[in-house]
């Protein structure tokens, strides 16, 4: 039996369900109430949409106490949503600004579980320039020099290799239309800068906000010559 593309496309094609899926791109598990607000629908309508997304294996449900939380089912679902965001944005009029209008999201945001936006593209460029990764368009390769560089920063590649996902992977940035770093290494970078408190996640969006000192430390660690102008928090 051939894969049923129309079934998945019909699930994503509904505007309310599309908003729910996009909201979950931040990586957080959200309740039905929170997703109803994101989709601007009633709780009853949201429940119906969520049931369809769970049955279609685009979402999973996690129960904790009396509460139920929804998350994207797998990494490949997040990749599909990100690709659709890229495709739909590219179909906009030529003079339209690609990506989100919110400047915080354009500077730095979460793309499921790794850093995206202008800062992430600048990081990617620096890693390429310094020979840590090799950019081949749709493919990104971690060099031996890069492996040594990240190992010195504290990356345990034995742990990363246990995951089924690639260690190093390129992801086309929704707003910048250039590569940023995904894969388990991209996830490590995001978790590391959050653990160091160089940046923090916004409570109400996918935005990542850097502190002034954190942005300087981030640029220094990865030898980023220049970061886009921003107004980081103190």
C-alpha atoms as a PDB file:
ATOM      1  CA  UNK A   1       0.000   0.000   0.000  1.00  0.00           C
ATOM      2  CA  UNK A   2       1.341   3.410  -0.948  1.00  0.00           C
ATOM      3  CA  UNK A   3       1.749   6.122   1.719  1.00  0.00           C
ATOM      4  CA  UNK A   4      -1.404   8.223   2.060  1.00  0.00           C
ATOM      5  CA  UNK A   5      -0.182  11.776   1.525  1.00  0.00           C
ATOM      6  CA  UNK A   6      -3.706  13.171   1.328  1.00  0.00           C
ATOM      7  CA  UNK A   7      -4.523  11.930   4.851  1.00  0.00           C
ATOM      8  CA  UNK A   8      -1.625  13.800   6.466  1.00  0.00           C
ATOM      9  CA  UNK A   9      -2.146  16.886   4.312  1.00  0.00           C
ATOM     10  CA  UNK A  10      -5.826  17.023   5.295  1.00  0.00           C
ATOM     11  CA  UNK A  11      -4.854  16.962   8.971  1.00  0.00           C
ATOM     12  CA  UNK A  12      -2.345  19.775   8.597  1.00  0.00           C
ATOM     13  CA  UNK A  13      -4.437  21.687   6.053  1.00  0.00           C
ATOM     14  CA  UNK A  14      -7.060  22.817   8.556  1.00  0.00           C
ATOM     15  CA  UNK A  15      -6.130  26.313   9.789  1.00  0.00           C
ATOM     16  CA  UNK A  16      -6.900  25.607  13.462  1.00  0.00           C
ATOM     17  CA  UNK A  17      -4.888  22.382  13.484  1.00  0.00           C
ATOM     18  CA  UNK A  18      -2.055  24.112  11.628  1.00  0.00           C
ATOM     19  CA  UNK A  19      -1.900  26.765  14.358  1.00  0.00           C
ATOM     20  CA  UNK A  20      -1.802  24.090  17.034  1.00  0.00           C
ATOM     21  CA  UNK A  21       1.042  22.260  15.332  1.00  0.00           C
ATOM     22  CA  UNK A  22       2.984  25.497  14.862  1.00  0.00           C
ATOM     23  CA  UNK A  23       2.506  26.384  18.535  1.00  0.00           C
ATOM     24  CA  UNK A  24       4.039  23.034  19.501  1.00  0.00           C
ATOM     25  CA  UNK A  25       7.162  23.804  17.455  1.00  0.00           C
ATOM     26  CA  UNK A  26       8.517  25.488  20.586  1.00  0.00           C
ATOM     27  CA  UNK A  27       9.145  22.013  21.978  1.00  0.00           C
ATOM     28  CA  UNK A  28       6.924  22.508  25.028  1.00  0.00           C
ATOM     29  CA  UNK A  29       4.022  20.234  25.858  1.00  0.00           C
ATOM     30  CA  UNK A  30       0.790  22.266  25.921  1.00  0.00           C
ATOM     31  CA  UNK A  31      -2.668  21.603  27.314  1.00  0.00           C
ATOM     32  CA  UNK A  32      -5.854  21.506  25.257  1.00  0.00           C
ATOM     33  CA  UNK A  33      -6.856  24.850  26.758  1.00  0.00           C
ATOM     34  CA  UNK A  34      -3.575  26.469  25.734  1.00  0.00           C
ATOM     35  CA  UNK A  35      -3.846  25.053  22.226  1.00  0.00           C
ATOM     36  CA  UNK A  36      -7.452  26.217  21.954  1.00  0.00           C
ATOM     37  CA  UNK A  37      -6.267  29.752  22.672  1.00  0.00           C
ATOM     38  CA  UNK A  38      -3.506  29.421  20.072  1.00  0.00           C
ATOM     39  CA  UNK A  39      -5.986  28.217  17.457  1.00  0.00           C
ATOM     40  CA  UNK A  40      -8.670  30.704  18.521  1.00  0.00           C
ATOM     41  CA  UNK A  41     -11.322  27.992  18.826  1.00  0.00           C
ATOM     42  CA  UNK A  42     -13.577  26.759  21.613  1.00  0.00           C
ATOM     43  CA  UNK A  43     -12.456  24.033  23.999  1.00  0.00           C
ATOM     44  CA  UNK A  44     -14.912  21.565  22.438  1.00  0.00           C
ATOM     45  CA  UNK A  45     -13.626  22.279  18.917  1.00  0.00           C
ATOM     46  CA  UNK A  46     -10.033  22.044  20.095  1.00  0.00           C
ATOM     47  CA  UNK A  47     -10.743  18.636  21.642  1.00  0.00           C
ATOM     48  CA  UNK A  48     -12.052  17.369  18.301  1.00  0.00           C
ATOM     49  CA  UNK A  49      -9.020  18.694  16.409  1.00  0.00           C
ATOM     50  CA  UNK A  50      -6.581  17.233  18.922  1.00  0.00           C
ATOM     51  CA  UNK A  51      -8.223  13.812  18.759  1.00  0.00           C
ATOM     52  CA  UNK A  52      -7.728  13.786  14.982  1.00  0.00           C
ATOM     53  CA  UNK A  53      -4.071  14.832  15.303  1.00  0.00           C
ATOM     54  CA  UNK A  54      -3.410  12.125  17.890  1.00  0.00           C
ATOM     55  CA  UNK A  55      -5.183   9.471  15.798  1.00  0.00           C
ATOM     56  CA  UNK A  56      -3.121  10.599  12.811  1.00  0.00           C
ATOM     57  CA  UNK A  57       0.074  10.151  14.879  1.00  0.00           C
ATOM     58  CA  UNK A  58       1.107  13.776  14.500  1.00  0.00           C
ATOM     59  CA  UNK A  59       0.707  14.372  18.238  1.00  0.00           C
ATOM     60  CA  UNK A  60       1.139  12.320  21.389  1.00  0.00           C
ATOM     61  CA  UNK A  61      -0.641  12.764  24.718  1.00  0.00           C
ATOM     62  CA  UNK A  62       1.194  12.767  28.016  1.00  0.00           C
ATOM     63  CA  UNK A  63      -0.758  12.496  31.261  1.00  0.00           C
ATOM     64  CA  UNK A  64       0.520  13.985  34.490  1.00  0.00           C
ATOM     65  CA  UNK A  65      -1.860  13.836  37.399  1.00  0.00           C
ATOM     66  CA  UNK A  66      -5.225  15.140  36.268  1.00  0.00           C
ATOM     67  CA  UNK A  67      -3.746  17.040  33.341  1.00  0.00           C
ATOM     68  CA  UNK A  68      -3.134  15.992  29.756  1.00  0.00           C
ATOM     69  CA  UNK A  69      -0.403  17.559  27.640  1.00  0.00           C
ATOM     70  CA  UNK A  70       0.125  17.398  23.904  1.00  0.00           C
ATOM     71  CA  UNK A  71       3.444  17.259  22.029  1.00  0.00           C
ATOM     72  CA  UNK A  72       4.571  16.658  18.470  1.00  0.00           C
ATOM     73  CA  UNK A  73       4.842  12.913  17.948  1.00  0.00           C
ATOM     74  CA  UNK A  74       8.374  12.765  16.575  1.00  0.00           C
ATOM     75  CA  UNK A  75      11.244  14.850  15.246  1.00  0.00           C
ATOM     76  CA  UNK A  76      10.200  14.193  11.653  1.00  0.00           C
ATOM     77  CA  UNK A  77       6.813  15.835  12.320  1.00  0.00           C
ATOM     78  CA  UNK A  78       8.618  18.980  13.475  1.00  0.00           C
ATOM     79  CA  UNK A  79      10.790  18.874  10.358  1.00  0.00           C
ATOM     80  CA  UNK A  80       7.693  18.603   8.177  1.00  0.00           C
ATOM     81  CA  UNK A  81       6.071  21.639   9.832  1.00  0.00           C
ATOM     82  CA  UNK A  82       9.267  23.683   9.493  1.00  0.00           C
ATOM     83  CA  UNK A  83       9.528  22.759   5.813  1.00  0.00           C
ATOM     84  CA  UNK A  84       5.916  23.779   5.248  1.00  0.00           C
ATOM     85  CA  UNK A  85       6.612  27.125   6.925  1.00  0.00           C
ATOM     86  CA  UNK A  86       9.483  27.620   4.496  1.00  0.00           C
ATOM     87  CA  UNK A  87       7.398  26.651   1.464  1.00  0.00           C
ATOM     88  CA  UNK A  88       4.410  28.820   2.384  1.00  0.00           C
ATOM     89  CA  UNK A  89       6.612  31.814   3.165  1.00  0.00           C
ATOM     90  CA  UNK A  90       8.400  31.474  -0.180  1.00  0.00           C
ATOM     91  CA  UNK A  91       5.028  31.699  -1.948  1.00  0.00           C
ATOM     92  CA  UNK A  92       4.431  35.179  -0.532  1.00  0.00           C
ATOM     93  CA  UNK A  93       4.704  38.272  -2.760  1.00  0.00           C
ATOM     94  CA  UNK A  94       8.368  39.089  -3.634  1.00  0.00           C
ATOM     95  CA  UNK A  95       8.494  42.173  -1.421  1.00  0.00           C
ATOM     96  CA  UNK A  96       7.034  40.421   1.603  1.00  0.00           C
ATOM     97  CA  UNK A  97       9.278  39.895   4.620  1.00  0.00           C
ATOM     98  CA  UNK A  98       9.901  36.187   5.140  1.00  0.00           C
ATOM     99  CA  UNK A  99       9.423  34.566   8.496  1.00  0.00           C
ATOM    100  CA  UNK A 100       7.877  36.036  11.643  1.00  0.00           C
ATOM    101  CA  UNK A 101       7.208  39.760  12.026  1.00  0.00           C
ATOM    102  CA  UNK A 102       8.098  39.658  15.735  1.00  0.00           C
ATOM    103  CA  UNK A 103      11.709  40.848  15.925  1.00  0.00           C
ATOM    104  CA  UNK A 104      12.410  38.644  18.945  1.00  0.00           C
ATOM    105  CA  UNK A 105      11.497  35.573  16.916  1.00  0.00           C
ATOM    106  CA  UNK A 106      13.579  36.746  13.984  1.00  0.00           C
ATOM    107  CA  UNK A 107      16.671  37.179  16.188  1.00  0.00           C
ATOM    108  CA  UNK A 108      16.501  33.884  18.071  1.00  0.00           C
ATOM    109  CA  UNK A 109      13.825  31.251  18.549  1.00  0.00           C
ATOM    110  CA  UNK A 110      13.390  27.547  19.147  1.00  0.00           C
ATOM    111  CA  UNK A 111      12.950  25.314  16.139  1.00  0.00           C
ATOM    112  CA  UNK A 112      11.512  22.301  18.019  1.00  0.00           C
ATOM    113  CA  UNK A 113      14.692  21.531  20.003  1.00  0.00           C
ATOM    114  CA  UNK A 114      17.467  23.671  18.525  1.00  0.00           C
ATOM    115  CA  UNK A 115      18.270  27.347  18.003  1.00  0.00           C
ATOM    116  CA  UNK A 116      16.956  29.170  14.938  1.00  0.00           C
ATOM    117  CA  UNK A 117      16.886  32.749  13.674  1.00  0.00           C
ATOM    118  CA  UNK A 118      19.556  35.311  12.844  1.00  0.00           C
ATOM    119  CA  UNK A 119      21.803  34.382  15.773  1.00  0.00           C
ATOM    120  CA  UNK A 120      21.701  30.718  14.831  1.00  0.00           C
ATOM    121  CA  UNK A 121      22.586  31.438  11.202  1.00  0.00           C
ATOM    122  CA  UNK A 122      25.501  33.586  12.410  1.00  0.00           C
ATOM    123  CA  UNK A 123      26.639  30.658  14.574  1.00  0.00           C
ATOM    124  CA  UNK A 124      26.428  28.291  11.612  1.00  0.00           C
ATOM    125  CA  UNK A 125      28.475  30.665   9.440  1.00  0.00           C
ATOM    126  CA  UNK A 126      31.148  30.939  12.141  1.00  0.00           C
ATOM    127  CA  UNK A 127      31.385  27.163  12.515  1.00  0.00           C
ATOM    128  CA  UNK A 128      31.819  26.832   8.748  1.00  0.00           C
ATOM    129  CA  UNK A 129      34.351  29.673   8.591  1.00  0.00           C
ATOM    130  CA  UNK A 130      36.426  28.139  11.375  1.00  0.00           C
ATOM    131  CA  UNK A 131      36.409  24.691   9.799  1.00  0.00           C
ATOM    132  CA  UNK A 132      34.334  23.006  12.494  1.00  0.00           C
ATOM    133  CA  UNK A 133      31.593  21.968  10.077  1.00  0.00           C
ATOM    134  CA  UNK A 134      31.466  21.548   6.307  1.00  0.00           C
ATOM    135  CA  UNK A 135      28.426  22.999   4.577  1.00  0.00           C
ATOM    136  CA  UNK A 136      27.213  21.052   1.556  1.00  0.00           C
ATOM    137  CA  UNK A 137      23.854  22.727   1.116  1.00  0.00           C
ATOM    138  CA  UNK A 138      21.358  20.090   2.225  1.00  0.00           C
ATOM    139  CA  UNK A 139      24.034  18.219   4.162  1.00  0.00           C
ATOM    140  CA  UNK A 140      26.312  19.365   6.969  1.00  0.00           C
ATOM    141  CA  UNK A 141      29.358  17.370   8.044  1.00  0.00           C
ATOM    142  CA  UNK A 142      31.183  17.660  11.370  1.00  0.00           C
ATOM    143  CA  UNK A 143      34.922  17.836  10.717  1.00  0.00           C
ATOM    144  CA  UNK A 144      37.563  16.175  12.897  1.00  0.00           C
ATOM    145  CA  UNK A 145      38.596  19.645  13.996  1.00  0.00           C
ATOM    146  CA  UNK A 146      35.005  20.390  14.904  1.00  0.00           C
ATOM    147  CA  UNK A 147      34.685  17.184  16.875  1.00  0.00           C
ATOM    148  CA  UNK A 148      37.746  18.149  18.909  1.00  0.00           C
ATOM    149  CA  UNK A 149      36.391  21.699  19.356  1.00  0.00           C
ATOM    150  CA  UNK A 150      33.029  20.563  20.708  1.00  0.00           C
ATOM    151  CA  UNK A 151      34.585  17.840  22.829  1.00  0.00           C
ATOM    152  CA  UNK A 152      36.638  20.549  24.530  1.00  0.00           C
ATOM    153  CA  UNK A 153      33.391  22.439  25.225  1.00  0.00           C
ATOM    154  CA  UNK A 154      31.986  19.403  27.025  1.00  0.00           C
ATOM    155  CA  UNK A 155      30.136  17.488  24.321  1.00  0.00           C
ATOM    156  CA  UNK A 156      30.024  13.736  24.969  1.00  0.00           C
ATOM    157  CA  UNK A 157      29.811  12.273  21.475  1.00  0.00           C
ATOM    158  CA  UNK A 158      29.322   8.772  22.873  1.00  0.00           C
ATOM    159  CA  UNK A 159      26.034   9.973  24.372  1.00  0.00           C
ATOM    160  CA  UNK A 160      25.020  11.817  21.205  1.00  0.00           C
ATOM    161  CA  UNK A 161      25.689   8.776  19.051  1.00  0.00           C
ATOM    162  CA  UNK A 162      23.168   6.742  21.075  1.00  0.00           C
ATOM    163  CA  UNK A 163      20.394   8.789  19.526  1.00  0.00           C
ATOM    164  CA  UNK A 164      18.868   7.677  16.222  1.00  0.00           C
ATOM    165  CA  UNK A 165      19.046  11.223  14.893  1.00  0.00           C
ATOM    166  CA  UNK A 166      22.176  12.559  13.143  1.00  0.00           C
ATOM    167  CA  UNK A 167      24.757  14.352  15.258  1.00  0.00           C
ATOM    168  CA  UNK A 168      25.146  17.172  12.764  1.00  0.00           C
ATOM    169  CA  UNK A 169      22.363  18.283  10.441  1.00  0.00           C
ATOM    170  CA  UNK A 170      21.498  21.404   8.474  1.00  0.00           C
ATOM    171  CA  UNK A 171      18.046  22.974   8.772  1.00  0.00           C
ATOM    172  CA  UNK A 172      16.823  25.706   6.433  1.00  0.00           C
ATOM    173  CA  UNK A 173      15.974  28.714   8.572  1.00  0.00           C
ATOM    174  CA  UNK A 174      12.399  29.895   8.104  1.00  0.00           C
ATOM    175  CA  UNK A 175      13.153  33.624   8.285  1.00  0.00           C
ATOM    176  CA  UNK A 176      16.755  33.778   7.041  1.00  0.00           C
ATOM    177  CA  UNK A 177      16.416  31.193   4.254  1.00  0.00           C
ATOM    178  CA  UNK A 178      19.904  29.953   5.068  1.00  0.00           C
ATOM    179  CA  UNK A 179      21.167  26.995   7.052  1.00  0.00           C
ATOM    180  CA  UNK A 180      21.289  26.754  10.798  1.00  0.00           C
ATOM    181  CA  UNK A 181      22.508  23.777  12.828  1.00  0.00           C
ATOM    182  CA  UNK A 182      20.093  21.036  13.911  1.00  0.00           C
ATOM    183  CA  UNK A 183      20.654  17.423  14.934  1.00  0.00           C
ATOM    184  CA  UNK A 184      21.743  16.295  18.380  1.00  0.00           C
ATOM    185  CA  UNK A 185      24.644  18.774  18.313  1.00  0.00           C
ATOM    186  CA  UNK A 186      22.285  21.660  17.591  1.00  0.00           C
ATOM    187  CA  UNK A 187      20.155  20.501  20.524  1.00  0.00           C
ATOM    188  CA  UNK A 188      23.242  20.388  22.776  1.00  0.00           C
ATOM    189  CA  UNK A 189      24.163  23.977  21.865  1.00  0.00           C
ATOM    190  CA  UNK A 190      20.692  25.251  22.782  1.00  0.00           C
ATOM    191  CA  UNK A 191      20.582  23.352  26.079  1.00  0.00           C
ATOM    192  CA  UNK A 192      24.099  24.503  26.934  1.00  0.00           C
ATOM    193  CA  UNK A 193      23.427  28.225  26.462  1.00  0.00           C
ATOM    194  CA  UNK A 194      20.200  27.932  28.471  1.00  0.00           C
ATOM    195  CA  UNK A 195      22.018  26.044  31.258  1.00  0.00           C
ATOM    196  CA  UNK A 196      24.668  28.762  31.346  1.00  0.00           C
ATOM    197  CA  UNK A 197      21.836  31.320  31.615  1.00  0.00           C
ATOM    198  CA  UNK A 198      23.151  33.235  28.637  1.00  0.00           C
ATOM    199  CA  UNK A 199      19.596  33.212  27.365  1.00  0.00           C
ATOM    200  CA  UNK A 200      16.148  32.150  28.438  1.00  0.00           C
ATOM    201  CA  UNK A 201      12.957  30.971  26.833  1.00  0.00           C
ATOM    202  CA  UNK A 202      10.000  33.330  26.619  1.00  0.00           C
ATOM    203  CA  UNK A 203       6.966  32.003  28.431  1.00  0.00           C
ATOM    204  CA  UNK A 204       4.484  32.975  25.726  1.00  0.00           C
ATOM    205  CA  UNK A 205       6.309  32.290  22.461  1.00  0.00           C
ATOM    206  CA  UNK A 206       9.128  30.398  20.730  1.00  0.00           C
ATOM    207  CA  UNK A 207      11.465  33.352  21.239  1.00  0.00           C
ATOM    208  CA  UNK A 208      14.853  32.962  22.911  1.00  0.00           C
ATOM    209  CA  UNK A 209      16.044  36.134  24.659  1.00  0.00           C
ATOM    210  CA  UNK A 210      19.762  36.604  25.290  1.00  0.00           C
ATOM    211  CA  UNK A 211      21.148  38.634  28.160  1.00  0.00           C
ATOM    212  CA  UNK A 212      23.727  41.298  27.268  1.00  0.00           C
ATOM    213  CA  UNK A 213      26.564  39.323  28.888  1.00  0.00           C
ATOM    214  CA  UNK A 214      25.221  36.066  27.511  1.00  0.00           C
ATOM    215  CA  UNK A 215      25.296  37.324  23.956  1.00  0.00           C
ATOM    216  CA  UNK A 216      28.923  38.413  24.360  1.00  0.00           C
ATOM    217  CA  UNK A 217      29.856  35.036  25.857  1.00  0.00           C
ATOM    218  CA  UNK A 218      27.995  33.194  23.091  1.00  0.00           C
ATOM    219  CA  UNK A 219      29.856  35.121  20.385  1.00  0.00           C
ATOM    220  CA  UNK A 220      33.188  34.597  22.136  1.00  0.00           C
ATOM    221  CA  UNK A 221      32.773  30.854  22.652  1.00  0.00           C
ATOM    222  CA  UNK A 222      31.942  30.204  19.012  1.00  0.00           C
ATOM    223  CA  UNK A 223      34.178  32.922  17.573  1.00  0.00           C
ATOM    224  CA  UNK A 224      31.294  34.719  15.889  1.00  0.00           C
ATOM    225  CA  UNK A 225      32.812  37.829  14.349  1.00  0.00           C
ATOM    226  CA  UNK A 226      29.595  39.826  14.359  1.00  0.00           C
ATOM    227  CA  UNK A 227      26.054  39.188  15.460  1.00  0.00           C
ATOM    228  CA  UNK A 228      23.032  41.015  14.050  1.00  0.00           C
ATOM    229  CA  UNK A 229      22.108  44.110  16.019  1.00  0.00           C
ATOM    230  CA  UNK A 230      19.724  43.407  18.824  1.00  0.00           C
ATOM    231  CA  UNK A 231      18.395  44.780  22.054  1.00  0.00           C
ATOM    232  CA  UNK A 232      19.178  41.949  24.478  1.00  0.00           C
ATOM    233  CA  UNK A 233      17.899  42.006  28.022  1.00  0.00           C
ATOM    234  CA  UNK A 234      20.192  42.730  30.933  1.00  0.00           C
END
